Amino acid sequence: MARDQMKYWTWQQAFDGTWQKRGHTSINGVAFVIDLETGLILDYIRLSKYCHLCSMKASCSDTKSADYGEWFKDHRDSGECQVNFFFSFLIQCPTLN
């Protein structure tokens, strides 16, 4: 299809997010995309910096051991790990970079 035959949509969206509590200590958050014309939420994601299974395993194991490293890799790759937010404080605050 030639470029001049393609149809384009103009679709205005906004992206926003928030954390459960102020500061940089919160472990739960949410981010979402909103259609500006209708106000409907088009997509969202729950953000978490905490996984209960990882925490329990770390409290019972030596986190520097090869066994823990293998368990953690398998746990993360299986999709069971609830942590899906890894950015640091400096990445979130561009004025401090």
Foldseek 3Di string as FASTA:
>chain_A
DDPVPDDDDDWDKDKDKDFPDDDDPGFWMKIFIAGPVPRDTPDMDIAGQDFPVLVVVVVVDPCPDPVNVVVVVCCVVVVVGPHDDDDDPCVVPVVVD
